Structures are given as structure tokens and as C-alpha cells.
Amino acid sequence: MRFLCAFLALICLLCLLSGVTAASLNPHTPVPVPVYKNPHASIDDRVSDLLSRMTLDEKIAQLVQGDISNWINTTTNVFNRTGLVQNMKSKASQFYAGYPMPYPWLAEGIKIGQDYLVQNTTLGIPAFVQSEGIHGFLISNATIFNSPIAHSCSWNPQLVERMAGVIAQEAKALGVNQIFAPIVDLARELRYGRVEETFGEDGYLAGELGYSYVKGLQSKNVSAMVKHFAAFASPEQGLNTGPVHGGERELRTTYLPPFKRAIIDAGALSVMSSYNSYDGVPLVVDHHVLTEILRDEWDYQYYVISDAGATDRVCNTFHLCESNPIDKQAAAQLILPAGNDVEMGSGSFNFLTLPELVKFGKVSIQTVNKAVERVLRAKFAVGLFENPYLAANASQWPSLIHTHQSVSLARQLDAESIVLLENKNKVLPLSKTANIAVIGPMAHGYVNYGDYVVNASQYRGVTPFDGISAASTGRVTYTQGCQRWSTDESGFAEAVAAAEAADVAVVVVGTWSRDQVELWQGLNATTGEHVDVSSLNLVGAMPHLVRAIINTGKPTVVVFSSGKPITEAWISDQASALVQQFYPSEQGGNALADVLFGDVNPSGKLSVAFPFDIGTTPVYYDYLNSGRSADAGHAYANGSLQFGHQYVLNSPLPLYEFGYGKSYASFAYGNVTLSKTRVSASKHTIVTATVTVTNKSTRDGAEVVQLYVQDLVSSVVVPNRQLKGFAKVVIPAGQSMPVRIPIKLADLGLWDIRLKYVVEPGDFNILVGSSSTDIRTNATLTVY
């Protein structure tokens, strides 16, 4: 009896120690729900509870990216269960799914992965499912929007937000819940191949559009990943992933503001660090940028992931550790403590050495825990635990992917992004009854998309010839004239004959990129990731084709279809009209026709300046005071030379400045007034600038009213002027409209000699106009 009592007492003690009560032994008593699975608990409590339950291996698995191709053959759809189990054992945080495969394969492959994590792992932590989406979800027949460099020429954040919502809707329909976008790098080095992926040269504009993209994407519970953090797109010699030079003040003044706007203000749930070094420190190991600024100063709560293969570069490119073979432990020791929380694939998976590093005290468990906390916090914030699998039923896909509404939006955004550079004798808009010769290698046969479109996309969409033909009631012919990549001029005679037989010629030339399969196959291209250039001139026979058509004497409209500025100043002089259409949407031909025929009045403004020549770069507008002394020279077509000094035979000023763009309407500006002309230096102060803009034409039109600020006296050298506000307004013919633009006093600060951000007392010139140099009115704001 004594033994029985002792045995029962031992059982009770074990029950108490294990948290099991007599009531819980009753099979009818509900099992308590863990805090981390309770959607009503705070995110802090859920993160803390889940982290406390995780083994070290489970934690490390949250810091490494997997790949759907580990369990689904993306070309045959064969399932590999062994690959699934192995992937989820060590790379369970997130997995890439951006492959060109049929919808059912992708949706089912994602479901297999999520089901395994939720049902076959101890804690059931779902994954982020990732793909690309800078101008459309990367899958066949999803809506293809124009490239980001074009989006920014629309100066329309509302349209960009709507576009991002469409991208999220299409991604979510197949189960993808995270998109590698937006890119808020700045296009200040035009030789760099990825100019097309940026929102242009200016941090304020890029920040506003990045903010809108994040808001649009995450409104549909799809996580945004802002990239590439930071200062990536101005590499030495314009070469992809090359070092970027600059100091702390330039980093904070120029490169970081758009990231803060898109990451902090918009609430982005993830960030991608960049490949490059800045001031000698690789960004993937830059504790100052990733921790001291992003976390300590900005209070960012979510996670940072490296770019593909970027962790290996610490050893094999930057040589911070042994590279033959890669010292995986040394790389991990440098990367994780710096604040780069997750390792993307396409490399050596250096983070898989973390268990051993923790065991021997080379990386602290606190460092690991902090990184895991950030990943889990993002997953809880987006609702992954409540809804790990977002995909719709297959019957719903037609109503969610490539809808009439999304295609219409693509056309509208594309049309608003087109910039009218020249329009001599008002040759545009064209008459729909005119006989038109459409000429050029970018005019038909394929659609001239930018990079990051799915394989073979170029054969789907509306070409310029398609769009012009559909809108015209006259005769429209097409002649290629030449190949984009050839010097062969044998097709010129046919093109010249077509132009001579027409009322007007539309010649479409430019640069070209490749889709996401072709881009990495070594095929020719003149823009795109890892495709950098030493010249911004047209390639091969294209400039000679343009000259041959202009020489016919027929009105010639030249269309630049490109991913970056083109330097052919003679075309600006000699063409009847010049139109810039940065890489288009699938509705690009229709959007171009809308503008050429006047169904849409062009309202695009350049988000990146055009230089006269590659040798005159950089030409961004916000150069520091003391820059851009100009005593220009010129070499004339007849051979005569006019010698200057800055430059001897050219100009350091842009051919077309930031914010430039013509309209078929004309706009007059009244005097700008400020709601206050004297304010104290309070960070919460907002001053409203009001200007009345009048459409003095007989045609309705949209004008982008731009507000720049000039700090007249400062304690350090600052940009000569900076964009601090804009408004795109539609004004009916003959009418006037008051335009109000808020100015946040906190935005007028500088990083002083001690690298403290301050708004200094003094006078600020408020400049309002139609471009960064076309200033129509100004006022003085005094800060005391």
C-alpha cells in the first residue's frame, strides 16, 4: 500500500512538472492552444512563445531560403519527396517559386511545400513563397506592366499602387505571398545595365513610388521586399555589382531617403541587401547600415535577406575570408551579426554552419534568436499562420489573373508614362486618316520588354505597328529596315520607299533586353541585369536608318523604345517629333498609338535626365553646390567647331533635364503663395504651397506641377535644389486650377558637420515649375 501511494505521488509530481493536470488527462478536455497559434495574442507574445519552443536546427532553418525546384521538377512536374524533406529540414524559412511553369504545377507545388511545413513539422511554421514582380508577376500570361523607369515617368503614385495591387492579386491567386520588389535604387550611373529597373535618378520621386508599390502589394496580404539596400545602382564604371564610392553624408542625403520612405513609412515586411560595397564595406556585412541605421535609428522590426549568391561574395569577391574553398564559417560569422538575417540561395549556404558556430561560441545564440525573431515577426504580421496557403481555386484564376481591368490599367499607366521630347510644327498628334509608314526593328515582330519578364513573353503583346494599325483609318505599312543587333543596311531601300509613299513615318529604335531565361544564356542585349554599356548611342545600323528616313523629307516621328536614355542629340534637332517610351507594357503599342493620335494627351515627365553624350555624365539635377560650371562648346553637322571649356565641344548640362516633358496643351503658372512664410524649426510643421495653373490650349491635359527647394545658406555643401513635392493634375481646356503641395519642414534638413540631421535657420527658395529647370514661380520660406 505504501508503495502504491508512493507511485501515485510520483505520477502526480511528473504531471505537475510536465504541466499535465488531471483534467487534461480527460480526452474530452480541449488541449490549450499555444500562444503562437492564437491570432488574438500580440505579435510580441506570439514571437516569444514560438521562439521558446524551437530547437537550434529549427531556428537556423528559418534563416535559409529554399527552392520549389528541390521537390518539383519545373519542366516535367515530377515530384521528389526526398528533395522536399531535405529542403524543409534546413531551408524552411521561405522558398523561391519564380519559374515559368503551368499554373496548376506552381499552385500544387506551393501547396505541397506549405502542407508539409504545417502538417509534418513539429511547430508548423509556414513559409514565405517568393517570386519577381517589378513590372508584373513572373508567370506566363500574368499582366505585364511597363518597366519601373517608365512608371516613374508617369509621376502617378496612385496608378503604381493600383498596379502593385494587381501584381499581388495575380501572385496570391497561385499561392505566392512575397514579391522581390520594389527597387528604389537610384539611376545616377547611366552605363549601369539595370537603369530600367529603377524609379529614376531622384530619391524623393523613387521614395514616393516605392511607398505606393509597398502599400498596393501589402494591401492584398502579399509581402513586399524592398531592394537593394543600399546605394547599389551607381557602381564604379557602371559595372554591375561594382563598388560604390561615397561618404556617410552622401549615403544619408542621397541614397537612404527613398529606402526609409518605402521600408519604414510604408511598412515593408522584408528588405534585400545589395551585392556591392559602399566606401569599402560590403553591404551584406555592413553593421552600420544594417543595424545601426536600419534597426537602431529607424527601428525596423522585420528581416533582411541577402541577394542570390551574395554571401559567397564576402569570400570570393571581397576577399574578407578564404575563397578556395569558401570559408563558410567565416562568411556566416561576418554576415549574420551584421544584421543580414537570412541567406538566399544560389550560393554555398554558409548559414548551414551556424549550429557549429553557436556550439563553439563563435556566434551567440542571442544573435541567432534576434534574426529568427525578425523573420517570425514578418510572418505573423502578414497573417501566414492563419492563412498559409493563399491560392484560389483553379476556376477563379481567369477572374484574378490577366483580367480586362488589369490590362486596361497597363495601357493607362503606359500611356501616362510616355514622354514627348520634341514636337516641331505640331506634327503630333497625327491624323487617323494619314498614311503611315511604321519602320524599325522595335516596331513589330516582338514586344520590346525589359528584363524580369517570363520566358517568351516578347511574342505576346501589342507592338507599335499593331497599335497604330488598330487605331488608324488610313493605310499603315510596316518595314523593319534593319536588325537591332546588326550593321547591315540592306533593308534601308525598302524602308525609304515606304516612307516616301506615306504621309508620315514613325521610326521605332532603341535598346533591348532579354527575358529571364534568355538574359542568362549569353545572348546579345544592350540593357538588363549584368548588361552594362560604355555608350548610350544607338547600336549598329539603327542611327543610320533614322537618318535615311529623315533625309526623305517626309515628316518623321522617332520613338525611342528603351530601358535608359539614348544619346543621339542630332535626332532631337532633325526629327519632326521625338517620343520616349521606356520599355512598354503588353499594351505598349496601343498606349503609343493613344499618344501619337492624341486620344491621350502626353503627360509623362522624365524621371532621369538625358545627357548629350556618355562623356558628359552624370547629369542628375540635384548636383552639389559648386557643380556644373558650363562654358559649352559644340561640333556642328556642317563640320564647323565652336570651342568652349566646360566642355570643349559639348556641354555638362543635360540635353533633357529631370522632370522634362512636353504636352499637346500649354500651361501657365500664376504666382506661388505659401500658407506661412516664417516658421520655427519644428519637425511637425507643414507649409502648403499653392499655385494656380491654367490650361491655355483648346485640349484637356495633365500637368505635373513640381516643387523644388533651394537652401540658400547652409553649414555644409548641399544639393543645389531638391524635389520635395509634386502633384499631377488634369486641367480642362481653357480652365484654371489651384494646385496645393504640402512641404514638410522636416524634409528641409541636412546632415551637418557632425553628421546630425538638422533643419537650419535661414531662407529657403521654394521653386515651382514644369521641370527641374523650367521654374515658373518662386517664393521664400524663412525658418527661424
Foldseek 3Di string as FASTA:
>chain_A
DVVVVVVVVVVVVVCVVVVHDPVNVPPVDDDDDFLLLDLPHDLVRNLVRVLVPDDPQQLQLLFEEAELCQAAVQVPRHGDVVSLVVCCSRNQAEYEQLAAHDLVSLLVSLVVNLCCQQPVDDPSDFYAYEYAPLQATAYPQFFGFAFLLLLLLLLDLQLLLQRLLLRLLLCLQSFHQEYADDEAAEQFQQLAFVLRSHNYHALVSSLSNLLSNQLSNCVSLRAYEYDAPWNQQHAVVNFHQHADEDDPQCCVFTICNSVLSNPQVSPGLEYEYDLHHYNLHGRLLALCRQPVPVCVVSVRQAAYEYPEASLLCCCPPSNPDDVVPRPLQVSLLRRQLSGHQHYYYNHDPSSVCVVVCCVVVSDDVVSSSSSSSRSSSSCSVSPCSVPVGSHDPPVCSQVSGNDPVSNVSSLVSQLSSKFWDAAAPNCPQPALAWEEEEEAQQQDDFAQHAEAHYPPNRNFFAGLQNQSVVSHPHHYHYFHQDHQAAQDRPRLVVSQVSLLVTQEYEYEHEWGAHYPVVNPPPDDGCHDRSRGDPWQARDHNRVVSQVSSLVSVHQYEYEYAYSGAHADVVCNVRHNIYMYRYRGISHNNNSVNCPNNVVAWHAGFRSYFAANISVLDDAAQQDWPVPFDWFEWAQDPVGDTGQTVCPGHGGNHTPGYGLDGDTPWDKAKDAKDKPDQEEALDQADKIKIKIKMFTAAQAKHKAKKWKKKAAPDDQDIGGRIHTFWIDIDIDHHGDMDMDITMGRSQVQWRLHPVRDTGRDFDKMKIFIARGSPGTNYIDIHTYD
